[in-house]
All heavy atoms as atom14 arrays in JSON, in Angstrom:
{
  "sequence": "SCLEDSKFVHDQLCVLAPIMMALSASSPVRRGYLTDHDCRWQAMAESF",
  "atom14_mask": [
    [1, 1, 1, 1, 1, 1, 0, 0, 0, 0, 0, 0, 0, 0],
    [1, 1, 1, 1, 1, 1, 0, 0, 0, 0, 0, 0, 0, 0],
    [1, 1, 1, 1, 1, 1, 1, 1, 0, 0, 0, 0, 0, 0],
    [1, 1, 1, 1, 1, 1, 1, 1, 1, 0, 0, 0, 0, 0],
    [1, 1, 1, 1, 1, 1, 1, 1, 0, 0, 0, 0, 0, 0],
    [1, 1, 1, 1, 1, 1, 0, 0, 0, 0, 0, 0, 0, 0],
    [1, 1, 1, 1, 1, 1, 1, 1, 1, 0, 0, 0, 0, 0],
    [1, 1, 1, 1, 1, 1, 1, 1, 1, 1, 1, 0, 0, 0],
    [1, 1, 1, 1, 1, 1, 1, 0, 0, 0, 0, 0, 0, 0],
    [1, 1, 1, 1, 1, 1, 1, 1, 1, 1, 0, 0, 0, 0],
    [1, 1, 1, 1, 1, 1, 1, 1, 0, 0, 0, 0, 0, 0],
    [1, 1, 1, 1, 1, 1, 1, 1, 1, 0, 0, 0, 0, 0],
    [1, 1, 1, 1, 1, 1, 1, 1, 0, 0, 0, 0, 0, 0],
    [1, 1, 1, 1, 1, 1, 0, 0, 0, 0, 0, 0, 0, 0],
    [1, 1, 1, 1, 1, 1, 1, 0, 0, 0, 0, 0, 0, 0],
    [1, 1, 1, 1, 1, 1, 1, 1, 0, 0, 0, 0, 0, 0],
    [1, 1, 1, 1, 1, 0, 0, 0, 0, 0, 0, 0, 0, 0],
    [1, 1, 1, 1, 1, 1, 1, 0, 0, 0, 0, 0, 0, 0],
    [1, 1, 1, 1, 1, 1, 1, 1, 0, 0, 0, 0, 0, 0],
    [1, 1, 1, 1, 1, 1, 1, 1, 0, 0, 0, 0, 0, 0],
    [1, 1, 1, 1, 1, 1, 1, 1, 0, 0, 0, 0, 0, 0],
    [1, 1, 1, 1, 1, 0, 0, 0, 0, 0, 0, 0, 0, 0],
    [1, 1, 1, 1, 1, 1, 1, 1, 0, 0, 0, 0, 0, 0],
    [1, 1, 1, 1, 1, 1, 0, 0, 0, 0, 0, 0, 0, 0],
    [1, 1, 1, 1, 1, 0, 0, 0, 0, 0, 0, 0, 0, 0],
    [1, 1, 1, 1, 1, 1, 0, 0, 0, 0, 0, 0, 0, 0],
    [1, 1, 1, 1, 1, 1, 0, 0, 0, 0, 0, 0, 0, 0],
    [1, 1, 1, 1, 1, 1, 1, 0, 0, 0, 0, 0, 0, 0],
    [1, 1, 1, 1, 1, 1, 1, 0, 0, 0, 0, 0, 0, 0],
    [1, 1, 1, 1, 1, 1, 1, 1, 1, 1, 1, 0, 0, 0],
    [1, 1, 1, 1, 1, 1, 1, 1, 1, 1, 1, 0, 0, 0],
    [1, 1, 1, 1, 0, 0, 0, 0, 0, 0, 0, 0, 0, 0],
    [1, 1, 1, 1, 1, 1, 1, 1, 1, 1, 1, 1, 0, 0],
    [1, 1, 1, 1, 1, 1, 1, 1, 0, 0, 0, 0, 0, 0],
    [1, 1, 1, 1, 1, 1, 1, 0, 0, 0, 0, 0, 0, 0],
    [1, 1, 1, 1, 1, 1, 1, 1, 0, 0, 0, 0, 0, 0],
    [1, 1, 1, 1, 1, 1, 1, 1, 1, 1, 0, 0, 0, 0],
    [1, 1, 1, 1, 1, 1, 1, 1, 0, 0, 0, 0, 0, 0],
    [1, 1, 1, 1, 1, 1, 0, 0, 0, 0, 0, 0, 0, 0],
    [1, 1, 1, 1, 1, 1, 1, 1, 1, 1, 1, 0, 0, 0],
    [1, 1, 1, 1, 1, 1, 1, 1, 1, 1, 1, 1, 1, 1],
    [1, 1, 1, 1, 1, 1, 1, 1, 1, 0, 0, 0, 0, 0],
    [1, 1, 1, 1, 1, 0, 0, 0, 0, 0, 0, 0, 0, 0],
    [1, 1, 1, 1, 1, 1, 1, 1, 0, 0, 0, 0, 0, 0],
    [1, 1, 1, 1, 1, 0, 0, 0, 0, 0, 0, 0, 0, 0],
    [1, 1, 1, 1, 1, 1, 1, 1, 1, 0, 0, 0, 0, 0],
    [1, 1, 1, 1, 1, 1, 0, 0, 0, 0, 0, 0, 0, 0],
    [1, 1, 1, 1, 1, 1, 1, 1, 1, 1, 1, 0, 0, 0]
  ],
  "atom14_positions": [
    [[30.48, 112.17, 100.91], [31.76, 112.63, 101.44], [31.64, 113.25, 102.82], [32.65, 113.46, 103.48], [32.38, 113.65, 100.47], [31.49, 114.73, 100.28], [0.0, 0.0, 0.0], [0.0, 0.0, 0.0], [0.0, 0.0, 0.0], [0.0, 0.0, 0.0], [0.0, 0.0, 0.0], [0.0, 0.0, 0.0], [0.0, 0.0, 0.0], [0.0, 0.0, 0.0]],
    [[30.42, 113.56, 103.27], [30.23, 114.12, 104.6], [28.76, 113.98, 104.99], [27.91, 113.62, 104.17], [30.65, 115.58, 104.65], [29.59, 116.66, 103.68], [0.0, 0.0, 0.0], [0.0, 0.0, 0.0], [0.0, 0.0, 0.0], [0.0, 0.0, 0.0], [0.0, 0.0, 0.0], [0.0, 0.0, 0.0], [0.0, 0.0, 0.0], [0.0, 0.0, 0.0]],
    [[28.46, 114.28, 106.23], [27.1, 114.13, 106.72], [26.14, 115.06, 105.99], [25.04, 114.65, 105.6], [27.07, 114.42, 108.23], [25.71, 114.25, 108.91], [25.19, 112.84, 108.74], [25.82, 114.61, 110.39], [0.0, 0.0, 0.0], [0.0, 0.0, 0.0], [0.0, 0.0, 0.0], [0.0, 0.0, 0.0], [0.0, 0.0, 0.0], [0.0, 0.0, 0.0]],
    [[26.54, 116.31, 105.77], [25.65, 117.25, 105.09], [25.44, 116.84, 103.63], [24.34, 116.99, 103.09], [26.22, 118.66, 105.17], [26.16, 119.27, 106.55], [24.74, 119.27, 107.11], [23.81, 119.65, 106.36], [24.55, 118.88, 108.27], [0.0, 0.0, 0.0], [0.0, 0.0, 0.0], [0.0, 0.0, 0.0], [0.0, 0.0, 0.0], [0.0, 0.0, 0.0]],
    [[26.49, 116.33, 102.99], [26.33, 115.84, 101.62], [25.35, 114.67, 101.57], [24.54, 114.56, 100.65], [27.68, 115.37, 101.07], [28.6, 116.53, 100.73], [28.25, 117.67, 101.07], [29.66, 116.28, 100.14], [0.0, 0.0, 0.0], [0.0, 0.0, 0.0], [0.0, 0.0, 0.0], [0.0, 0.0, 0.0], [0.0, 0.0, 0.0], [0.0, 0.0, 0.0]],
    [[25.44, 113.8, 102.57], [24.54, 112.65, 102.61], [23.09, 113.1, 102.77], [22.18, 112.56, 102.13], [24.93, 111.73, 103.77], [24.09, 110.61, 103.82], [0.0, 0.0, 0.0], [0.0, 0.0, 0.0], [0.0, 0.0, 0.0], [0.0, 0.0, 0.0], [0.0, 0.0, 0.0], [0.0, 0.0, 0.0], [0.0, 0.0, 0.0], [0.0, 0.0, 0.0]],
    [[22.86, 114.11, 103.61], [21.51, 114.64, 103.75], [21.02, 115.22, 102.43], [19.85, 115.04, 102.04], [21.5, 115.74, 104.83], [21.74, 115.25, 106.24], [21.73, 116.44, 107.2], [22.0, 116.01, 108.63], [22.01, 117.18, 109.56], [0.0, 0.0, 0.0], [0.0, 0.0, 0.0], [0.0, 0.0, 0.0], [0.0, 0.0, 0.0], [0.0, 0.0, 0.0]],
    [[21.9, 115.91, 101.74], [21.54, 116.51, 100.46], [21.15, 115.43, 99.45], [20.11, 115.52, 98.79], [22.72, 117.34, 99.93], [22.49, 117.94, 98.58], [21.88, 119.17, 98.46], [22.89, 117.27, 97.43], [21.65, 119.72, 97.2], [22.67, 117.81, 96.18], [22.05, 119.04, 96.07], [0.0, 0.0, 0.0], [0.0, 0.0, 0.0], [0.0, 0.0, 0.0]],
    [[21.99, 114.39, 99.34], [21.7, 113.3, 98.4], [20.41, 112.59, 98.78], [19.57, 112.27, 97.93], [22.88, 112.3, 98.36], [22.52, 111.08, 97.52], [24.12, 112.97, 97.79], [0.0, 0.0, 0.0], [0.0, 0.0, 0.0], [0.0, 0.0, 0.0], [0.0, 0.0, 0.0], [0.0, 0.0, 0.0], [0.0, 0.0, 0.0], [0.0, 0.0, 0.0]],
    [[20.23, 112.32, 100.08], [19.0, 111.68, 100.56], [17.77, 112.47, 100.12], [16.8, 111.9, 99.59], [19.04, 111.56, 102.08], [17.75, 111.1, 102.7], [16.73, 111.98, 103.0], [17.32, 109.86, 103.05], [15.71, 111.3, 103.5], [16.04, 110.02, 103.56], [0.0, 0.0, 0.0], [0.0, 0.0, 0.0], [0.0, 0.0, 0.0], [0.0, 0.0, 0.0]],
    [[17.78, 113.78, 100.32], [16.62, 114.6, 100.02], [16.35, 114.68, 98.52], [15.2, 114.75, 98.08], [16.78, 115.99, 100.61], [16.72, 115.97, 102.14], [16.44, 114.89, 102.7], [16.94, 117.02, 102.75], [0.0, 0.0, 0.0], [0.0, 0.0, 0.0], [0.0, 0.0, 0.0], [0.0, 0.0, 0.0], [0.0, 0.0, 0.0], [0.0, 0.0, 0.0]],
    [[17.44, 114.7, 97.73], [17.24, 114.68, 96.28], [16.61, 113.36, 95.82], [15.72, 113.34, 94.97], [18.59, 114.89, 95.56], [19.24, 116.23, 95.82], [18.37, 117.39, 95.38], [17.93, 117.46, 94.23], [18.09, 118.3, 96.3], [0.0, 0.0, 0.0], [0.0, 0.0, 0.0], [0.0, 0.0, 0.0], [0.0, 0.0, 0.0], [0.0, 0.0, 0.0]],
    [[17.04, 112.27, 96.44], [16.51, 110.96, 96.06], [15.08, 110.77, 96.56], [14.33, 109.96, 96.01], [17.42, 109.85, 96.59], [18.74, 109.73, 95.85], [19.66, 108.73, 96.54], [18.52, 109.32, 94.4], [0.0, 0.0, 0.0], [0.0, 0.0, 0.0], [0.0, 0.0, 0.0], [0.0, 0.0, 0.0], [0.0, 0.0, 0.0], [0.0, 0.0, 0.0]],
    [[14.69, 111.5, 97.61], [13.28, 111.46, 98.03], [12.37, 111.92, 96.89], [11.23, 111.47, 96.77], [13.06, 112.37, 99.25], [13.64, 111.67, 100.8], [0.0, 0.0, 0.0], [0.0, 0.0, 0.0], [0.0, 0.0, 0.0], [0.0, 0.0, 0.0], [0.0, 0.0, 0.0], [0.0, 0.0, 0.0], [0.0, 0.0, 0.0], [0.0, 0.0, 0.0]],
    [[12.88, 112.81, 96.07], [12.12, 113.3, 94.92], [12.3, 112.4, 93.71], [11.33, 112.06, 93.01], [12.56, 114.74, 94.57], [11.79, 115.26, 93.36], [12.36, 115.66, 95.76], [0.0, 0.0, 0.0], [0.0, 0.0, 0.0], [0.0, 0.0, 0.0], [0.0, 0.0, 0.0], [0.0, 0.0, 0.0], [0.0, 0.0, 0.0], [0.0, 0.0, 0.0]],
    [[13.52, 111.94, 93.46], [13.82, 111.18, 92.25], [13.41, 109.72, 92.35], [13.0, 109.12, 91.35], [15.33, 111.26, 91.95], [15.85, 112.64, 91.56], [17.38, 112.6, 91.43], [15.23, 113.11, 90.26], [0.0, 0.0, 0.0], [0.0, 0.0, 0.0], [0.0, 0.0, 0.0], [0.0, 0.0, 0.0], [0.0, 0.0, 0.0], [0.0, 0.0, 0.0]],
    [[13.52, 109.12, 93.55], [13.26, 107.68, 93.69], [11.85, 107.29, 93.27], [11.67, 106.27, 92.58], [13.55, 107.22, 95.12], [0.0, 0.0, 0.0], [0.0, 0.0, 0.0], [0.0, 0.0, 0.0], [0.0, 0.0, 0.0], [0.0, 0.0, 0.0], [0.0, 0.0, 0.0], [0.0, 0.0, 0.0], [0.0, 0.0, 0.0], [0.0, 0.0, 0.0]],
    [[10.79, 108.05, 93.64], [9.46, 107.67, 93.16], [9.33, 107.69, 91.64], [8.62, 106.87, 91.05], [8.54, 108.72, 93.8], [9.28, 109.18, 95.0], [10.73, 109.16, 94.61], [0.0, 0.0, 0.0], [0.0, 0.0, 0.0], [0.0, 0.0, 0.0], [0.0, 0.0, 0.0], [0.0, 0.0, 0.0], [0.0, 0.0, 0.0], [0.0, 0.0, 0.0]],
    [[10.04, 108.62, 90.99], [10.02, 108.66, 89.52], [10.71, 107.42, 88.96], [10.19, 106.76, 88.04], [10.72, 109.94, 89.02], [10.0, 111.18, 89.54], [10.79, 109.94, 87.49], [10.71, 112.48, 89.23], [0.0, 0.0, 0.0], [0.0, 0.0, 0.0], [0.0, 0.0, 0.0], [0.0, 0.0, 0.0], [0.0, 0.0, 0.0], [0.0, 0.0, 0.0]],
    [[11.87, 107.06, 89.54], [12.58, 105.86, 89.11], [11.75, 104.61, 89.38], [11.74, 103.67, 88.59], [13.92, 105.76, 89.83], [14.85, 106.93, 89.6], [15.28, 107.15, 87.87], [16.21, 105.65, 87.56], [0.0, 0.0, 0.0], [0.0, 0.0, 0.0], [0.0, 0.0, 0.0], [0.0, 0.0, 0.0], [0.0, 0.0, 0.0], [0.0, 0.0, 0.0]],
    [[11.02, 104.61, 90.5], [10.18, 103.48, 90.84], [9.07, 103.31, 89.8], [8.76, 102.19, 89.37], [9.6, 103.66, 92.23], [8.81, 102.47, 92.74], [8.22, 102.72, 94.43], [9.75, 102.63, 95.35], [0.0, 0.0, 0.0], [0.0, 0.0, 0.0], [0.0, 0.0, 0.0], [0.0, 0.0, 0.0], [0.0, 0.0, 0.0], [0.0, 0.0, 0.0]],
    [[8.47, 104.41, 89.4], [7.4, 104.35, 88.4], [7.94, 103.87, 87.05], [7.3, 103.08, 86.36], [6.74, 105.72, 88.26], [0.0, 0.0, 0.0], [0.0, 0.0, 0.0], [0.0, 0.0, 0.0], [0.0, 0.0, 0.0], [0.0, 0.0, 0.0], [0.0, 0.0, 0.0], [0.0, 0.0, 0.0], [0.0, 0.0, 0.0], [0.0, 0.0, 0.0]],
    [[9.12, 104.33, 86.68], [9.71, 103.95, 85.4], [10.11, 102.48, 85.37], [10.14, 101.84, 84.32], [10.94, 104.82, 85.1], [10.65, 106.3, 84.8], [11.96, 107.07, 84.69], [9.85, 106.44, 83.51], [0.0, 0.0, 0.0], [0.0, 0.0, 0.0], [0.0, 0.0, 0.0], [0.0, 0.0, 0.0], [0.0, 0.0, 0.0], [0.0, 0.0, 0.0]],
    [[10.44, 101.91, 86.53], [10.94, 100.54, 86.59], [9.93, 99.56, 87.17], [10.26, 98.41, 87.43], [12.23, 100.49, 87.41], [11.99, 100.96, 88.73], [0.0, 0.0, 0.0], [0.0, 0.0, 0.0], [0.0, 0.0, 0.0], [0.0, 0.0, 0.0], [0.0, 0.0, 0.0], [0.0, 0.0, 0.0], [0.0, 0.0, 0.0], [0.0, 0.0, 0.0]],
    [[8.69, 99.99, 87.4], [7.67, 99.13, 87.99], [7.47, 97.87, 87.15], [7.31, 97.95, 85.94], [6.35, 99.89, 88.13], [0.0, 0.0, 0.0], [0.0, 0.0, 0.0], [0.0, 0.0, 0.0], [0.0, 0.0, 0.0], [0.0, 0.0, 0.0], [0.0, 0.0, 0.0], [0.0, 0.0, 0.0], [0.0, 0.0, 0.0], [0.0, 0.0, 0.0]],
    [[7.5, 96.71, 87.81], [7.43, 95.44, 87.05], [6.73, 94.35, 87.85], [7.05, 93.18, 87.7], [8.86, 94.98, 86.71], [9.63, 94.81, 87.88], [0.0, 0.0, 0.0], [0.0, 0.0, 0.0], [0.0, 0.0, 0.0], [0.0, 0.0, 0.0], [0.0, 0.0, 0.0], [0.0, 0.0, 0.0], [0.0, 0.0, 0.0], [0.0, 0.0, 0.0]],
    [[5.77, 94.75, 88.68], [5.12, 93.76, 89.55], [3.6, 93.83, 89.51], [2.94, 93.85, 90.55], [5.61, 93.95, 91.0], [7.0, 93.96, 91.08], [0.0, 0.0, 0.0], [0.0, 0.0, 0.0], [0.0, 0.0, 0.0], [0.0, 0.0, 0.0], [0.0, 0.0, 0.0], [0.0, 0.0, 0.0], [0.0, 0.0, 0.0], [0.0, 0.0, 0.0]],
    [[3.0, 93.85, 88.32], [1.54, 93.93, 88.27], [0.85, 92.6, 88.57], [-0.34, 92.59, 88.87], [1.25, 94.37, 86.83], [2.39, 93.8, 86.05], [3.58, 93.88, 86.97], [0.0, 0.0, 0.0], [0.0, 0.0, 0.0], [0.0, 0.0, 0.0], [0.0, 0.0, 0.0], [0.0, 0.0, 0.0], [0.0, 0.0, 0.0], [0.0, 0.0, 0.0]],
    [[1.58, 91.49, 88.49], [0.99, 90.18, 88.69], [1.42, 89.64, 90.05], [2.6, 89.51, 90.34], [1.39, 89.19, 87.58], [0.71, 87.84, 87.8], [1.03, 89.75, 86.21], [0.0, 0.0, 0.0], [0.0, 0.0, 0.0], [0.0, 0.0, 0.0], [0.0, 0.0, 0.0], [0.0, 0.0, 0.0], [0.0, 0.0, 0.0], [0.0, 0.0, 0.0]],
    [[0.44, 89.31, 90.9], [0.7, 88.77, 92.22], [-0.09, 87.48, 92.38], [-1.29, 87.44, 92.12], [0.25, 89.76, 93.31], [0.68, 91.2, 93.1], [2.12, 91.44, 93.41], [2.48, 91.14, 94.78], [3.53, 91.7, 95.4], [4.29, 92.57, 94.77], [3.82, 91.37, 96.64], [0.0, 0.0, 0.0], [0.0, 0.0, 0.0], [0.0, 0.0, 0.0]],
    [[0.63, 86.41, 92.75], [0.0, 85.09, 92.92], [-0.79, 84.68, 91.68], [-1.83, 84.05, 91.77], [-0.9, 85.05, 94.14], [-0.17, 85.13, 95.48], [-1.08, 84.89, 96.67], [-2.06, 83.87, 96.39], [-3.39, 84.08, 96.38], [-3.86, 85.27, 96.66], [-4.21, 83.1, 96.13], [0.0, 0.0, 0.0], [0.0, 0.0, 0.0], [0.0, 0.0, 0.0]],
    [[-0.3, 85.07, 90.51], [-0.95, 84.66, 89.27], [-2.1, 85.54, 88.84], [-2.68, 85.32, 87.77], [0.0, 0.0, 0.0], [0.0, 0.0, 0.0], [0.0, 0.0, 0.0], [0.0, 0.0, 0.0], [0.0, 0.0, 0.0], [0.0, 0.0, 0.0], [0.0, 0.0, 0.0], [0.0, 0.0, 0.0], [0.0, 0.0, 0.0], [0.0, 0.0, 0.0]],
    [[-2.46, 86.54, 89.64], [-3.57, 87.44, 89.31], [-3.01, 88.78, 88.85], [-2.04, 89.3, 89.41], [-4.47, 87.68, 90.53], [-5.24, 86.47, 90.98], [-4.89, 85.8, 92.16], [-6.34, 86.01, 90.26], [-5.61, 84.7, 92.6], [-7.06, 84.9, 90.69], [-6.7, 84.25, 91.85], [-7.41, 83.16, 92.28], [0.0, 0.0, 0.0], [0.0, 0.0, 0.0]],
    [[-3.68, 89.38, 87.86], [-3.32, 90.72, 87.42], [-3.95, 91.73, 88.37], [-5.17, 91.75, 88.55], [-3.81, 90.97, 85.99], [-3.41, 92.31, 85.36], [-1.89, 92.41, 85.25], [-4.05, 92.47, 83.98], [0.0, 0.0, 0.0], [0.0, 0.0, 0.0], [0.0, 0.0, 0.0], [0.0, 0.0, 0.0], [0.0, 0.0, 0.0], [0.0, 0.0, 0.0]],
    [[-3.12, 92.55, 89.0], [-3.62, 93.5, 89.99], [-3.62, 94.92, 89.43], [-3.1, 95.18, 88.34], [-2.76, 93.46, 91.27], [-1.48, 94.07, 91.01], [-2.57, 92.03, 91.76], [0.0, 0.0, 0.0], [0.0, 0.0, 0.0], [0.0, 0.0, 0.0], [0.0, 0.0, 0.0], [0.0, 0.0, 0.0], [0.0, 0.0, 0.0], [0.0, 0.0, 0.0]],
    [[-4.17, 95.82, 90.21], [-4.25, 97.22, 89.81], [-3.06, 98.02, 90.32], [-3.06, 99.25, 90.24], [-5.55, 97.84, 90.32], [-6.01, 99.01, 89.46], [-5.61, 99.07, 88.29], [-6.76, 99.86, 89.96], [0.0, 0.0, 0.0], [0.0, 0.0, 0.0], [0.0, 0.0, 0.0], [0.0, 0.0, 0.0], [0.0, 0.0, 0.0], [0.0, 0.0, 0.0]],
    [[-2.06, 97.35, 90.9], [-0.8, 97.97, 91.31], [0.33, 97.36, 90.49], [0.38, 96.13, 90.34], [-0.53, 97.76, 92.8], [-1.39, 98.58, 93.69], [-1.31, 98.55, 95.07], [-2.38, 99.47, 93.41], [-2.2, 99.39, 95.59], [-2.85, 99.95, 94.62], [0.0, 0.0, 0.0], [0.0, 0.0, 0.0], [0.0, 0.0, 0.0], [0.0, 0.0, 0.0]],
    [[1.24, 98.16, 89.99], [2.34, 97.61, 89.2], [3.69, 97.78, 89.89], [4.72, 97.44, 89.32], [2.39, 98.24, 87.81], [2.52, 99.76, 87.85], [2.61, 100.32, 88.97], [2.52, 100.38, 86.77], [0.0, 0.0, 0.0], [0.0, 0.0, 0.0], [0.0, 0.0, 0.0], [0.0, 0.0, 0.0], [0.0, 0.0, 0.0], [0.0, 0.0, 0.0]],
    [[3.7, 98.27, 91.11], [4.95, 98.46, 91.86], [4.94, 97.55, 93.09], [3.91, 97.36, 93.73], [5.11, 99.91, 92.28], [6.65, 100.25, 93.12], [0.0, 0.0, 0.0], [0.0, 0.0, 0.0], [0.0, 0.0, 0.0], [0.0, 0.0, 0.0], [0.0, 0.0, 0.0], [0.0, 0.0, 0.0], [0.0, 0.0, 0.0], [0.0, 0.0, 0.0]],
    [[6.08, 97.03, 93.45], [6.19, 96.05, 94.53], [6.22, 96.68, 95.93], [5.97, 96.0, 96.92], [7.49, 95.25, 94.37], [8.7, 96.1, 94.69], [10.04, 95.45, 94.44], [11.07, 96.38, 94.83], [11.68, 96.4, 96.01], [11.38, 95.51, 96.92], [12.6, 97.28, 96.29], [0.0, 0.0, 0.0], [0.0, 0.0, 0.0], [0.0, 0.0, 0.0]],
    [[6.52, 97.98, 96.03], [6.96, 98.53, 97.31], [5.88, 98.46, 98.38], [6.14, 98.03, 99.51], [7.43, 99.98, 97.14], [7.81, 100.59, 98.45], [7.1, 101.49, 99.18], [8.96, 100.27, 99.24], [7.74, 101.78, 100.35], [8.89, 101.04, 100.42], [10.04, 99.42, 99.06], [9.86, 100.98, 101.41], [11.01, 99.36, 100.06], [10.91, 100.13, 101.21]],
    [[4.65, 98.92, 98.09], [3.65, 99.0, 99.14], [3.3, 97.63, 99.71], [3.16, 97.47, 100.92], [2.38, 99.7, 98.62], [1.4, 100.06, 99.72], [2.01, 100.96, 100.79], [2.72, 101.91, 100.47], [1.75, 100.65, 102.05], [0.0, 0.0, 0.0], [0.0, 0.0, 0.0], [0.0, 0.0, 0.0], [0.0, 0.0, 0.0], [0.0, 0.0, 0.0]],
    [[3.18, 96.63, 98.84], [2.87, 95.28, 99.32], [4.01, 94.74, 100.18], [3.77, 94.07, 101.19], [2.62, 94.35, 98.13], [0.0, 0.0, 0.0], [0.0, 0.0, 0.0], [0.0, 0.0, 0.0], [0.0, 0.0, 0.0], [0.0, 0.0, 0.0], [0.0, 0.0, 0.0], [0.0, 0.0, 0.0], [0.0, 0.0, 0.0], [0.0, 0.0, 0.0]],
    [[5.25, 95.04, 99.81], [6.39, 94.58, 100.6], [6.4, 95.26, 101.97], [6.63, 94.62, 103.0], [7.7, 94.87, 99.86], [8.92, 94.33, 100.58], [10.44, 94.58, 99.64], [10.62, 96.35, 99.8], [0.0, 0.0, 0.0], [0.0, 0.0, 0.0], [0.0, 0.0, 0.0], [0.0, 0.0, 0.0], [0.0, 0.0, 0.0], [0.0, 0.0, 0.0]],
    [[6.12, 96.57, 101.99], [6.08, 97.29, 103.26], [4.99, 96.72, 104.17], [5.21, 96.52, 105.38], [5.84, 98.77, 103.01], [0.0, 0.0, 0.0], [0.0, 0.0, 0.0], [0.0, 0.0, 0.0], [0.0, 0.0, 0.0], [0.0, 0.0, 0.0], [0.0, 0.0, 0.0], [0.0, 0.0, 0.0], [0.0, 0.0, 0.0], [0.0, 0.0, 0.0]],
    [[3.82, 96.43, 103.62], [2.73, 95.89, 104.43], [3.06, 94.49, 104.93], [2.69, 94.12, 106.05], [1.45, 95.87, 103.6], [0.88, 97.25, 103.31], [-0.38, 97.18, 102.48], [-0.97, 96.09, 102.38], [-0.78, 98.23, 101.92], [0.0, 0.0, 0.0], [0.0, 0.0, 0.0], [0.0, 0.0, 0.0], [0.0, 0.0, 0.0], [0.0, 0.0, 0.0]],
    [[3.76, 93.7, 104.14], [4.09, 92.34, 104.57], [5.07, 92.33, 105.73], [5.13, 91.36, 106.49], [4.66, 91.53, 103.39], [6.0, 91.91, 103.1], [0.0, 0.0, 0.0], [0.0, 0.0, 0.0], [0.0, 0.0, 0.0], [0.0, 0.0, 0.0], [0.0, 0.0, 0.0], [0.0, 0.0, 0.0], [0.0, 0.0, 0.0], [0.0, 0.0, 0.0]],
    [[5.84, 93.41, 105.89], [6.8, 93.5, 106.99], [6.28, 94.35, 108.15], [7.05, 94.72, 109.03], [8.13, 94.07, 106.48], [9.08, 93.01, 106.01], [8.93, 92.42, 104.78], [10.09, 92.56, 106.84], [9.77, 91.43, 104.35], [10.95, 91.55, 106.42], [10.8, 90.99, 105.18], [0.0, 0.0, 0.0], [0.0, 0.0, 0.0], [0.0, 0.0, 0.0]]
  ]
}
């Protein structure tokens, strides 16, 4: 509803998003191999 509210929500999600990411991780298999990472984010960031 406002800029300050957006900052507040952003900062709360900085804490909550990693928890949600861990709960929803679904990417342990890459190119047919089982890897030691189960979340997609870091590989996607590196690819870009």
